[in-house]
PDB file of N, CA and C in Angstrom:
ATOM      1  N   UNK A   1      14.085  -4.893  -1.607  1.00  0.00           N
ATOM      2  CA  UNK A   1      14.405  -3.540  -2.009  1.00  0.00           C
ATOM      3  C   UNK A   1      13.239  -2.858  -2.717  1.00  0.00           C
ATOM      4  N   UNK A   2      12.386  -3.636  -3.332  1.00  0.00           N
ATOM      5  CA  UNK A   2      11.313  -3.043  -4.124  1.00  0.00           C
ATOM      6  C   UNK A   2      10.385  -2.191  -3.282  1.00  0.00           C
ATOM      7  N   UNK A   3      10.013  -2.712  -2.117  1.00  0.00           N
ATOM      8  CA  UNK A   3       9.100  -1.949  -1.261  1.00  0.00           C
ATOM      9  C   UNK A   3       9.684  -0.601  -0.871  1.00  0.00           C
ATOM     10  N   UNK A   4      10.963  -0.607  -0.524  1.00  0.00           N
ATOM     11  CA  UNK A   4      11.610   0.643  -0.124  1.00  0.00           C
ATOM     12  C   UNK A   4      11.702   1.615  -1.307  1.00  0.00           C
ATOM     13  N   UNK A   5      11.984   1.084  -2.483  1.00  0.00           N
ATOM     14  CA  UNK A   5      12.067   1.953  -3.654  1.00  0.00           C
ATOM     15  C   UNK A   5      10.705   2.498  -4.053  1.00  0.00           C
ATOM     16  N   UNK A   6       9.675   1.665  -3.983  1.00  0.00           N
ATOM     17  CA  UNK A   6       8.327   2.154  -4.250  1.00  0.00           C
ATOM     18  C   UNK A   6       7.957   3.241  -3.248  1.00  0.00           C
ATOM     19  N   UNK A   7       8.290   3.021  -1.995  1.00  0.00           N
ATOM     20  CA  UNK A   7       7.992   4.010  -0.953  1.00  0.00           C
ATOM     21  C   UNK A   7       8.735   5.310  -1.213  1.00  0.00           C
ATOM     22  N   UNK A   8      10.009   5.208  -1.546  1.00  0.00           N
ATOM     23  CA  UNK A   8      10.808   6.397  -1.818  1.00  0.00           C
ATOM     24  C   UNK A   8      10.243   7.178  -2.986  1.00  0.00           C
ATOM     25  N   UNK A   9       9.947   6.499  -4.084  1.00  0.00           N
ATOM     26  CA  UNK A   9       9.402   7.180  -5.257  1.00  0.00           C
ATOM     27  C   UNK A   9       8.041   7.803  -4.961  1.00  0.00           C
ATOM     28  N   UNK A  10       7.202   7.066  -4.257  1.00  0.00           N
ATOM     29  CA  UNK A  10       5.874   7.577  -3.934  1.00  0.00           C
ATOM     30  C   UNK A  10       5.967   8.836  -3.072  1.00  0.00           C
ATOM     31  N   UNK A  11       6.762   8.779  -2.009  1.00  0.00           N
ATOM     32  CA  UNK A  11       6.812   9.912  -1.088  1.00  0.00           C
ATOM     33  C   UNK A  11       7.533  11.118  -1.678  1.00  0.00           C
ATOM     34  N   UNK A  12       8.567  10.896  -2.481  1.00  0.00           N
ATOM     35  CA  UNK A  12       9.213  12.026  -3.153  1.00  0.00           C
ATOM     36  C   UNK A  12       8.250  12.707  -4.119  1.00  0.00           C
ATOM     37  N   UNK A  13       7.527  11.913  -4.878  1.00  0.00           N
ATOM     38  CA  UNK A  13       6.553  12.484  -5.816  1.00  0.00           C
ATOM     39  C   UNK A  13       5.420  13.185  -5.066  1.00  0.00           C
ATOM     40  N   UNK A  14       4.982  12.629  -3.953  1.00  0.00           N
ATOM     41  CA  UNK A  14       3.915  13.266  -3.163  1.00  0.00           C
ATOM     42  C   UNK A  14       4.384  14.596  -2.590  1.00  0.00           C
ATOM     43  N   UNK A  15       5.617  14.644  -2.139  1.00  0.00           N
ATOM     44  CA  UNK A  15       6.152  15.901  -1.601  1.00  0.00           C
ATOM     45  C   UNK A  15       6.247  16.942  -2.716  1.00  0.00           C
ATOM     46  N   UNK A  16       6.788  16.551  -3.872  1.00  0.00           N
ATOM     47  CA  UNK A  16       6.891  17.491  -4.985  1.00  0.00           C
ATOM     48  C   UNK A  16       5.519  17.966  -5.451  1.00  0.00           C
ATOM     49  N   UNK A  17       4.534  17.073  -5.474  1.00  0.00           N
ATOM     50  CA  UNK A  17       3.216  17.482  -5.958  1.00  0.00           C
ATOM     51  C   UNK A  17       2.505  18.398  -4.972  1.00  0.00           C
ATOM     52  N   UNK A  18       2.859  18.333  -3.699  1.00  0.00           N
ATOM     53  CA  UNK A  18       2.277  19.264  -2.739  1.00  0.00           C
ATOM     54  C   UNK A  18       2.974  20.620  -2.773  1.00  0.00           C
ATOM     55  N   UNK A  19       4.223  20.655  -3.210  1.00  0.00           N
ATOM     56  CA  UNK A  19       4.948  21.917  -3.301  1.00  0.00           C
ATOM     57  C   UNK A  19       4.720  22.620  -4.636  1.00  0.00           C
ATOM     58  N   UNK A  20       4.523  21.851  -5.689  1.00  0.00           N
ATOM     59  CA  UNK A  20       4.278  22.393  -7.027  1.00  0.00           C
ATOM     60  C   UNK A  20       3.049  21.679  -7.592  1.00  0.00           C
ATOM     61  N   UNK A  21       2.820  21.787  -8.849  1.00  0.00           N
ATOM     62  CA  UNK A  21       1.684  21.073  -9.438  1.00  0.00           C
ATOM     63  C   UNK A  21       2.038  19.607  -9.650  1.00  0.00           C
ATOM     64  N   UNK A  22       1.018  18.784  -9.813  1.00  0.00           N
ATOM     65  CA  UNK A  22       1.292  17.366 -10.012  1.00  0.00           C
ATOM     66  C   UNK A  22       1.914  17.092 -11.382  1.00  0.00           C
ATOM     67  N   UNK A  23       1.617  17.921 -12.367  1.00  0.00           N
ATOM     68  CA  UNK A  23       2.248  17.756 -13.679  1.00  0.00           C
ATOM     69  C   UNK A  23       3.744  18.058 -13.606  1.00  0.00           C
ATOM     70  N   UNK A  24       4.105  19.100 -12.886  1.00  0.00           N
ATOM     71  CA  UNK A  24       5.526  19.432 -12.736  1.00  0.00           C
ATOM     72  C   UNK A  24       6.251  18.337 -11.958  1.00  0.00           C
ATOM     73  N   UNK A  25       5.604  17.794 -10.946  1.00  0.00           N
ATOM     74  CA  UNK A  25       6.206  16.704 -10.176  1.00  0.00           C
ATOM     75  C   UNK A  25       6.423  15.473 -11.055  1.00  0.00           C
ATOM     76  N   UNK A  26       5.478  15.191 -11.930  1.00  0.00           N
ATOM     77  CA  UNK A  26       5.614  14.035 -12.828  1.00  0.00           C
ATOM     78  C   UNK A  26       6.765  14.233 -13.808  1.00  0.00           C
ATOM     79  N   UNK A  27       6.925  15.446 -14.330  1.00  0.00           N
ATOM     80  CA  UNK A  27       8.017  15.727 -15.263  1.00  0.00           C
ATOM     81  C   UNK A  27       9.366  15.596 -14.568  1.00  0.00           C
ATOM     82  N   UNK A  28       9.440  16.018 -13.328  1.00  0.00           N
ATOM     83  CA  UNK A  28      10.701  15.938 -12.583  1.00  0.00           C
ATOM     84  C   UNK A  28      11.013  14.500 -12.184  1.00  0.00           C
ATOM     85  N   UNK A  29      10.008  13.760 -11.757  1.00  0.00           N
ATOM     86  CA  UNK A  29      10.235  12.441 -11.159  1.00  0.00           C
ATOM     87  C   UNK A  29      10.294  11.291 -12.159  1.00  0.00           C
ATOM     88  N   UNK A  30       9.724  11.434 -13.355  1.00  0.00           N
ATOM     89  CA  UNK A  30       9.692  10.320 -14.306  1.00  0.00           C
ATOM     90  C   UNK A  30      11.087   9.821 -14.685  1.00  0.00           C
ATOM     91  N   UNK A  31      12.021  10.693 -15.053  1.00  0.00           N
ATOM     92  CA  UNK A  31      13.359  10.184 -15.366  1.00  0.00           C
ATOM     93  C   UNK A  31      14.059   9.559 -14.165  1.00  0.00           C
ATOM     94  N   UNK A  32      13.791  10.089 -12.997  1.00  0.00           N
ATOM     95  CA  UNK A  32      14.380   9.533 -11.772  1.00  0.00           C
ATOM     96  C   UNK A  32      13.863   8.115 -11.546  1.00  0.00           C
ATOM     97  N   UNK A  33      12.556   7.928 -11.726  1.00  0.00           N
ATOM     98  CA  UNK A  33      11.963   6.605 -11.527  1.00  0.00           C
ATOM     99  C   UNK A  33      12.515   5.586 -12.520  1.00  0.00           C
ATOM    100  N   UNK A  34      12.675   5.988 -13.760  1.00  0.00           N
ATOM    101  CA  UNK A  34      13.195   5.074 -14.781  1.00  0.00           C
ATOM    102  C   UNK A  34      14.646   4.706 -14.488  1.00  0.00           C
ATOM    103  N   UNK A  35      15.441   5.684 -14.087  1.00  0.00           N
ATOM    104  CA  UNK A  35      16.852   5.404 -13.761  1.00  0.00           C
ATOM    105  C   UNK A  35      16.977   4.480 -12.559  1.00  0.00           C
ATOM    106  N   UNK A  36      16.165   4.699 -11.549  1.00  0.00           N
ATOM    107  CA  UNK A  36      16.210   3.835 -10.362  1.00  0.00           C
ATOM    108  C   UNK A  36      15.813   2.413 -10.738  1.00  0.00           C
ATOM    109  N   UNK A  37      14.755   2.275 -11.528  1.00  0.00           N
ATOM    110  CA  UNK A  37      14.301   0.943 -11.933  1.00  0.00           C
ATOM    111  C   UNK A  37      15.336   0.241 -12.801  1.00  0.00           C
ATOM    112  N   UNK A  38      16.041   0.989 -13.640  1.00  0.00           N
ATOM    113  CA  UNK A  38      17.059   0.385 -14.507  1.00  0.00           C
ATOM    114  C   UNK A  38      18.249  -0.121 -13.698  1.00  0.00           C
ATOM    115  N   UNK A  39      18.507   0.481 -12.557  1.00  0.00           N
ATOM    116  CA  UNK A  39      19.638   0.081 -11.731  1.00  0.00           C
ATOM    117  C   UNK A  39      19.365  -1.113 -10.834  1.00  0.00           C
ATOM    118  N   UNK A  40      18.122  -1.543 -10.738  1.00  0.00           N
ATOM    119  CA  UNK A  40      17.751  -2.658  -9.864  1.00  0.00           C
ATOM    120  C   UNK A  40      17.406  -3.869 -10.727  1.00  0.00           C
ATOM    121  N   UNK A  41      18.029  -5.000 -10.454  1.00  0.00           N
ATOM    122  CA  UNK A  41      17.746  -6.222 -11.211  1.00  0.00           C
ATOM    123  C   UNK A  41      16.330  -6.703 -10.933  1.00  0.00           C
ATOM    124  N   UNK A  42      15.605  -6.994 -11.988  1.00  0.00           N
ATOM    125  CA  UNK A  42      14.274  -7.554 -11.864  1.00  0.00           C
ATOM    126  C   UNK A  42      13.182  -6.557 -11.570  1.00  0.00           C
ATOM    127  N   UNK A  43      13.486  -5.281 -11.595  1.00  0.00           N
ATOM    128  CA  UNK A  43      12.457  -4.270 -11.334  1.00  0.00           C
ATOM    129  C   UNK A  43      11.962  -3.684 -12.644  1.00  0.00           C
ATOM    130  N   UNK A  44      10.678  -3.701 -12.823  1.00  0.00           N
ATOM    131  CA  UNK A  44      10.057  -3.173 -14.028  1.00  0.00           C
ATOM    132  C   UNK A  44       9.992  -1.650 -13.962  1.00  0.00           C
ATOM    133  N   UNK A  45      10.362  -0.968 -15.036  1.00  0.00           N
ATOM    134  CA  UNK A  45      10.216   0.491 -15.049  1.00  0.00           C
ATOM    135  C   UNK A  45       8.761   0.930 -14.932  1.00  0.00           C
ATOM    136  N   UNK A  46       7.841   0.092 -15.436  1.00  0.00           N
ATOM    137  CA  UNK A  46       6.417   0.433 -15.339  1.00  0.00           C
ATOM    138  C   UNK A  46       5.970   0.538 -13.890  1.00  0.00           C
ATOM    139  N   UNK A  47       6.434  -0.382 -13.062  1.00  0.00           N
ATOM    140  CA  UNK A  47       6.047  -0.355 -11.647  1.00  0.00           C
ATOM    141  C   UNK A  47       6.600   0.883 -10.952  1.00  0.00           C
ATOM    142  N   UNK A  48       7.836   1.245 -11.270  1.00  0.00           N
ATOM    143  CA  UNK A  48       8.429   2.450 -10.684  1.00  0.00           C
ATOM    144  C   UNK A  48       7.684   3.697 -11.148  1.00  0.00           C
ATOM    145  N   UNK A  49       7.309   3.724 -12.426  1.00  0.00           N
ATOM    146  CA  UNK A  49       6.549   4.867 -12.938  1.00  0.00           C
ATOM    147  C   UNK A  49       5.157   4.940 -12.327  1.00  0.00           C
ATOM    148  N   UNK A  50       4.553   3.798 -12.071  1.00  0.00           N
ATOM    149  CA  UNK A  50       3.241   3.809 -11.416  1.00  0.00           C
ATOM    150  C   UNK A  50       3.340   4.325  -9.983  1.00  0.00           C
ATOM    151  N   UNK A  51       4.362   3.907  -9.258  1.00  0.00           N
ATOM    152  CA  UNK A  51       4.550   4.418  -7.895  1.00  0.00           C
ATOM    153  C   UNK A  51       4.728   5.926  -7.920  1.00  0.00           C
ATOM    154  N   UNK A  52       5.495   6.411  -8.872  1.00  0.00           N
ATOM    155  CA  UNK A  52       5.706   7.842  -9.013  1.00  0.00           C
ATOM    156  C   UNK A  52       4.417   8.546  -9.414  1.00  0.00           C
ATOM    157  N   UNK A  53       3.662   7.977 -10.341  1.00  0.00           N
ATOM    158  CA  UNK A  53       2.425   8.609 -10.811  1.00  0.00           C
ATOM    159  C   UNK A  53       1.380   8.697  -9.697  1.00  0.00           C
ATOM    160  N   UNK A  54       1.238   7.632  -8.925  1.00  0.00           N
ATOM    161  CA  UNK A  54       0.289   7.679  -7.815  1.00  0.00           C
ATOM    162  C   UNK A  54       0.731   8.683  -6.759  1.00  0.00           C
ATOM    163  N   UNK A  55       2.018   8.794  -6.545  1.00  0.00           N
ATOM    164  CA  UNK A  55       2.522   9.805  -5.619  1.00  0.00           C
ATOM    165  C   UNK A  55       2.249  11.215  -6.119  1.00  0.00           C
ATOM    166  N   UNK A  56       2.374  11.413  -7.423  1.00  0.00           N
ATOM    167  CA  UNK A  56       2.100  12.736  -7.997  1.00  0.00           C
ATOM    168  C   UNK A  56       0.628  13.124  -7.880  1.00  0.00           C
ATOM    169  N   UNK A  57      -0.247  12.155  -7.892  1.00  0.00           N
ATOM    170  CA  UNK A  57      -1.672  12.472  -7.775  1.00  0.00           C
ATOM    171  C   UNK A  57      -2.126  12.562  -6.325  1.00  0.00           C
ATOM    172  N   UNK A  58      -1.199  12.500  -5.423  1.00  0.00           N
ATOM    173  CA  UNK A  58      -1.524  12.488  -3.988  1.00  0.00           C
ATOM    174  C   UNK A  58      -1.259  13.869  -3.372  1.00  0.00           C
ATOM    175  N   UNK A  59      -1.916  14.884  -3.881  1.00  0.00           N
ATOM    176  CA  UNK A  59      -1.726  16.228  -3.344  1.00  0.00           C
ATOM    177  C   UNK A  59      -2.977  16.685  -2.592  1.00  0.00           C
ATOM    178  N   UNK A  60      -3.199  16.059  -1.473  1.00  0.00           N
ATOM    179  CA  UNK A  60      -4.375  16.354  -0.657  1.00  0.00           C
ATOM    180  C   UNK A  60      -4.053  17.204   0.562  1.00  0.00           C
ATOM    181  N   UNK A  61      -2.777  17.402   0.864  1.00  0.00           N
ATOM    182  CA  UNK A  61      -2.389  17.960   2.161  1.00  0.00           C
ATOM    183  C   UNK A  61      -2.523  19.479   2.209  1.00  0.00           C
ATOM    184  N   UNK A  62      -2.240  20.150   1.115  1.00  0.00           N
ATOM    185  CA  UNK A  62      -2.299  21.612   1.117  1.00  0.00           C
ATOM    186  C   UNK A  62      -3.583  22.084   0.425  1.00  0.00           C
ATOM    187  N   UNK A  63      -4.162  23.168   0.898  1.00  0.00           N
ATOM    188  CA  UNK A  63      -5.406  23.645   0.278  1.00  0.00           C
ATOM    189  C   UNK A  63      -5.195  24.364  -1.043  1.00  0.00           C
ATOM    190  N   UNK A  64      -3.959  24.614  -1.427  1.00  0.00           N
ATOM    191  CA  UNK A  64      -3.689  25.404  -2.615  1.00  0.00           C
ATOM    192  C   UNK A  64      -3.471  24.564  -3.857  1.00  0.00           C
ATOM    193  N   UNK A  65      -3.844  23.315  -3.818  1.00  0.00           N
ATOM    194  CA  UNK A  65      -3.656  22.459  -4.983  1.00  0.00           C
ATOM    195  C   UNK A  65      -4.984  22.239  -5.683  1.00  0.00           C
ATOM    196  N   UNK A  66      -4.982  22.429  -6.952  1.00  0.00           N
ATOM    197  CA  UNK A  66      -6.078  22.187  -7.885  1.00  0.00           C
ATOM    198  C   UNK A  66      -7.453  22.481  -7.318  1.00  0.00           C
ATOM    199  N   UNK A  67      -8.251  21.483  -7.110  1.00  0.00           N
ATOM    200  CA  UNK A  67      -9.655  21.675  -6.728  1.00  0.00           C
ATOM    201  C   UNK A  67      -9.864  21.998  -5.249  1.00  0.00           C
ATOM    202  N   UNK A  68      -8.853  21.785  -4.432  1.00  0.00           N
ATOM    203  CA  UNK A  68      -9.012  22.043  -3.006  1.00  0.00           C
ATOM    204  C   UNK A  68      -9.349  23.498  -2.726  1.00  0.00           C
ATOM    205  N   UNK A  69      -8.758  24.400  -3.457  1.00  0.00           N
ATOM    206  CA  UNK A  69      -8.966  25.822  -3.243  1.00  0.00           C
ATOM    207  C   UNK A  69     -10.383  26.244  -3.623  1.00  0.00           C
ATOM    208  N   UNK A  70     -10.986  25.537  -4.574  1.00  0.00           N
ATOM    209  CA  UNK A  70     -12.343  25.884  -5.007  1.00  0.00           C
ATOM    210  C   UNK A  70     -13.378  25.662  -3.918  1.00  0.00           C
ATOM    211  N   UNK A  71     -13.167  24.693  -3.054  1.00  0.00           N
ATOM    212  CA  UNK A  71     -14.158  24.384  -2.028  1.00  0.00           C
ATOM    213  C   UNK A  71     -13.776  24.904  -0.644  1.00  0.00           C
ATOM    214  N   UNK A  72     -12.640  25.549  -0.539  1.00  0.00           N
ATOM    215  CA  UNK A  72     -12.162  26.001   0.769  1.00  0.00           C
ATOM    216  C   UNK A  72     -13.088  27.058   1.378  1.00  0.00           C
ATOM    217  N   UNK A  73     -13.331  28.143   0.672  1.00  0.00           N
ATOM    218  CA  UNK A  73     -14.165  29.221   1.208  1.00  0.00           C
ATOM    219  C   UNK A  73     -15.641  28.822   1.317  1.00  0.00           C
ATOM    220  N   UNK A  74     -16.250  28.247   0.274  1.00  0.00           N
ATOM    221  CA  UNK A  74     -17.666  27.878   0.407  1.00  0.00           C
ATOM    222  C   UNK A  74     -17.923  26.818   1.482  1.00  0.00           C
ATOM    223  N   UNK A  75     -16.962  25.926   1.677  1.00  0.00           N
ATOM    224  CA  UNK A  75     -17.137  24.868   2.671  1.00  0.00           C
ATOM    225  C   UNK A  75     -16.749  25.288   4.074  1.00  0.00           C
ATOM    226  N   UNK A  76     -16.111  26.446   4.200  1.00  0.00           N
ATOM    227  CA  UNK A  76     -15.672  26.921   5.502  1.00  0.00           C
ATOM    228  C   UNK A  76     -14.490  26.127   6.060  1.00  0.00           C
ATOM    229  N   UNK A  77     -13.677  25.571   5.178  1.00  0.00           N
ATOM    230  CA  UNK A  77     -12.531  24.778   5.612  1.00  0.00           C
ATOM    231  C   UNK A  77     -11.346  25.668   5.942  1.00  0.00           C
ATOM    232  N   UNK A  78     -10.498  25.174   6.801  1.00  0.00           N
ATOM    233  CA  UNK A  78      -9.253  25.859   7.133  1.00  0.00           C
ATOM    234  C   UNK A  78      -8.086  24.987   6.697  1.00  0.00           C
ATOM    235  N   UNK A  79      -6.892  25.563   6.722  1.00  0.00           N
ATOM    236  CA  UNK A  79      -5.713  24.810   6.287  1.00  0.00           C
ATOM    237  C   UNK A  79      -5.491  23.579   7.148  1.00  0.00           C
ATOM    238  N   UNK A  80      -5.774  23.658   8.429  1.00  0.00           N
ATOM    239  CA  UNK A  80      -5.563  22.484   9.294  1.00  0.00           C
ATOM    240  C   UNK A  80      -6.524  21.346   8.960  1.00  0.00           C
ATOM    241  N   UNK A  81      -7.688  21.662   8.428  1.00  0.00           N
ATOM    242  CA  UNK A  81      -8.611  20.601   7.990  1.00  0.00           C
ATOM    243  C   UNK A  81      -8.006  19.809   6.839  1.00  0.00           C
ATOM    244  N   UNK A  82      -7.377  20.518   5.912  1.00  0.00           N
ATOM    245  CA  UNK A  82      -6.727  19.839   4.793  1.00  0.00           C
ATOM    246  C   UNK A  82      -5.533  19.020   5.259  1.00  0.00           C
ATOM    247  N   UNK A  83      -4.771  19.562   6.190  1.00  0.00           N
ATOM    248  CA  UNK A  83      -3.605  18.838   6.683  1.00  0.00           C
ATOM    249  C   UNK A  83      -4.042  17.562   7.385  1.00  0.00           C
ATOM    250  N   UNK A  84      -5.041  17.662   8.238  1.00  0.00           N
ATOM    251  CA  UNK A  84      -5.489  16.503   9.013  1.00  0.00           C
ATOM    252  C   UNK A  84      -6.070  15.404   8.115  1.00  0.00           C
ATOM    253  N   UNK A  85      -7.019  15.757   7.289  1.00  0.00           N
ATOM    254  CA  UNK A  85      -7.646  14.728   6.453  1.00  0.00           C
ATOM    255  C   UNK A  85      -6.754  14.340   5.268  1.00  0.00           C
ATOM    256  N   UNK A  86      -6.030  15.309   4.719  1.00  0.00           N
ATOM    257  CA  UNK A  86      -5.152  15.020   3.591  1.00  0.00           C
ATOM    258  C   UNK A  86      -4.002  14.111   3.960  1.00  0.00           C
ATOM    259  N   UNK A  87      -3.458  14.298   5.152  1.00  0.00           N
ATOM    260  CA  UNK A  87      -2.372  13.431   5.599  1.00  0.00           C
ATOM    261  C   UNK A  87      -2.865  11.999   5.798  1.00  0.00           C
ATOM    262  N   UNK A  88      -4.037  11.857   6.391  1.00  0.00           N
ATOM    263  CA  UNK A  88      -4.601  10.516   6.580  1.00  0.00           C
ATOM    264  C   UNK A  88      -4.894   9.849   5.239  1.00  0.00           C
ATOM    265  N   UNK A  89      -5.467  10.595   4.328  1.00  0.00           N
ATOM    266  CA  UNK A  89      -5.773  10.047   3.007  1.00  0.00           C
ATOM    267  C   UNK A  89      -4.499   9.700   2.238  1.00  0.00           C
ATOM    268  N   UNK A  90      -3.464  10.518   2.376  1.00  0.00           N
ATOM    269  CA  UNK A  90      -2.194  10.236   1.719  1.00  0.00           C
ATOM    270  C   UNK A  90      -1.541   8.977   2.270  1.00  0.00           C
ATOM    271  N   UNK A  91      -1.653   8.765   3.568  1.00  0.00           N
ATOM    272  CA  UNK A  91      -1.087   7.555   4.175  1.00  0.00           C
ATOM    273  C   UNK A  91      -1.829   6.312   3.693  1.00  0.00           C
ATOM    274  N   UNK A  92      -3.142   6.389   3.640  1.00  0.00           N
ATOM    275  CA  UNK A  92      -3.930   5.253   3.146  1.00  0.00           C
ATOM    276  C   UNK A  92      -3.589   4.961   1.689  1.00  0.00           C
ATOM    277  N   UNK A  93      -3.465   6.017   0.892  1.00  0.00           N
ATOM    278  CA  UNK A  93      -3.122   5.822  -0.519  1.00  0.00           C
ATOM    279  C   UNK A  93      -1.720   5.255  -0.670  1.00  0.00           C
ATOM    280  N   UNK A  94      -0.790   5.697   0.145  1.00  0.00           N
ATOM    281  CA  UNK A  94       0.591   5.182   0.080  1.00  0.00           C
ATOM    282  C   UNK A  94       0.633   3.700   0.420  1.00  0.00           C
ATOM    283  N   UNK A  95      -0.029   3.314   1.484  1.00  0.00           N
ATOM    284  CA  UNK A  95      -0.034   1.901   1.891  1.00  0.00           C
ATOM    285  C   UNK A  95      -0.657   1.036   0.808  1.00  0.00           C
ATOM    286  N   UNK A  96      -1.785   1.472   0.265  1.00  0.00           N
ATOM    287  CA  UNK A  96      -2.458   0.703  -0.761  1.00  0.00           C
ATOM    288  C   UNK A  96      -1.618   0.606  -2.045  1.00  0.00           C
ATOM    289  N   UNK A  97      -1.045   1.709  -2.456  1.00  0.00           N
ATOM    290  CA  UNK A  97      -0.235   1.718  -3.673  1.00  0.00           C
ATOM    291  C   UNK A  97       0.996   0.845  -3.540  1.00  0.00           C
ATOM    292  N   UNK A  98       1.722   1.029  -2.464  1.00  0.00           N
ATOM    293  CA  UNK A  98       2.980   0.279  -2.281  1.00  0.00           C
ATOM    294  C   UNK A  98       2.710  -1.208  -2.150  1.00  0.00           C
ATOM    295  N   UNK A  99       1.691  -1.576  -1.395  1.00  0.00           N
ATOM    296  CA  UNK A  99       1.367  -2.997  -1.234  1.00  0.00           C
ATOM    297  C   UNK A  99       0.933  -3.613  -2.554  1.00  0.00           C
ATOM    298  N   UNK A 100       0.093  -2.912  -3.300  1.00  0.00           N
ATOM    299  CA  UNK A 100      -0.383  -3.449  -4.570  1.00  0.00           C
ATOM    300  C   UNK A 100       0.754  -3.580  -5.581  1.00  0.00           C
ATOM    301  N   UNK A 101       1.586  -2.570  -5.695  1.00  0.00           N
ATOM    302  CA  UNK A 101       2.707  -2.650  -6.642  1.00  0.00           C
ATOM    303  C   UNK A 101       3.709  -3.717  -6.243  1.00  0.00           C
ATOM    304  N   UNK A 102       3.914  -3.894  -4.960  1.00  0.00           N
ATOM    305  CA  UNK A 102       4.838  -4.938  -4.504  1.00  0.00           C
ATOM    306  C   UNK A 102       4.291  -6.328  -4.848  1.00  0.00           C
ATOM    307  N   UNK A 103       2.992  -6.523  -4.670  1.00  0.00           N
ATOM    308  CA  UNK A 103       2.398  -7.821  -4.965  1.00  0.00           C
ATOM    309  C   UNK A 103       2.348  -8.097  -6.470  1.00  0.00           C
ATOM    310  N   UNK A 104       2.131  -7.058  -7.265  1.00  0.00           N
ATOM    311  CA  UNK A 104       2.033  -7.238  -8.714  1.00  0.00           C
ATOM    312  C   UNK A 104       3.393  -7.282  -9.408  1.00  0.00           C
ATOM    313  N   UNK A 105       4.365  -6.557  -8.851  1.00  0.00           N
ATOM    314  CA  UNK A 105       5.618  -6.438  -9.572  1.00  0.00           C
ATOM    315  C   UNK A 105       6.729  -7.153  -8.909  1.00  0.00           C
TER     316      UNK A 105
END
C-alpha cells in the first residue's frame, strides 16, 4: 500500500502545485498526508510528508510557475516546450521519489 499512497500524495501535490503555487499546495496537502499516514499501520508521517513535499516542488509543466516565466520570452520557449520537457522531468522525479521513499520507509 505504501507505494500507491506515495504515488497518490505525490501526484495530487504535483497537480495542485501546477494549478496554484507550491506553497499553497503544501498548505493544502500537509494535513491530508498526515491523516493518510496515521490511518495506515507502519507508515511514517515523515515519509508521507516527504512524498507530498517533493510533489509540491514538481511544478515544471506550466510556464506560469515561479522561475519558468522569467526565461520564457528571452529563451523563445513556448507552452508546449514546457509541457513536453516538464512532463518528462516530472515523471522522472516521481519515479525516483516514490522508489526512494518506498525503500527507506
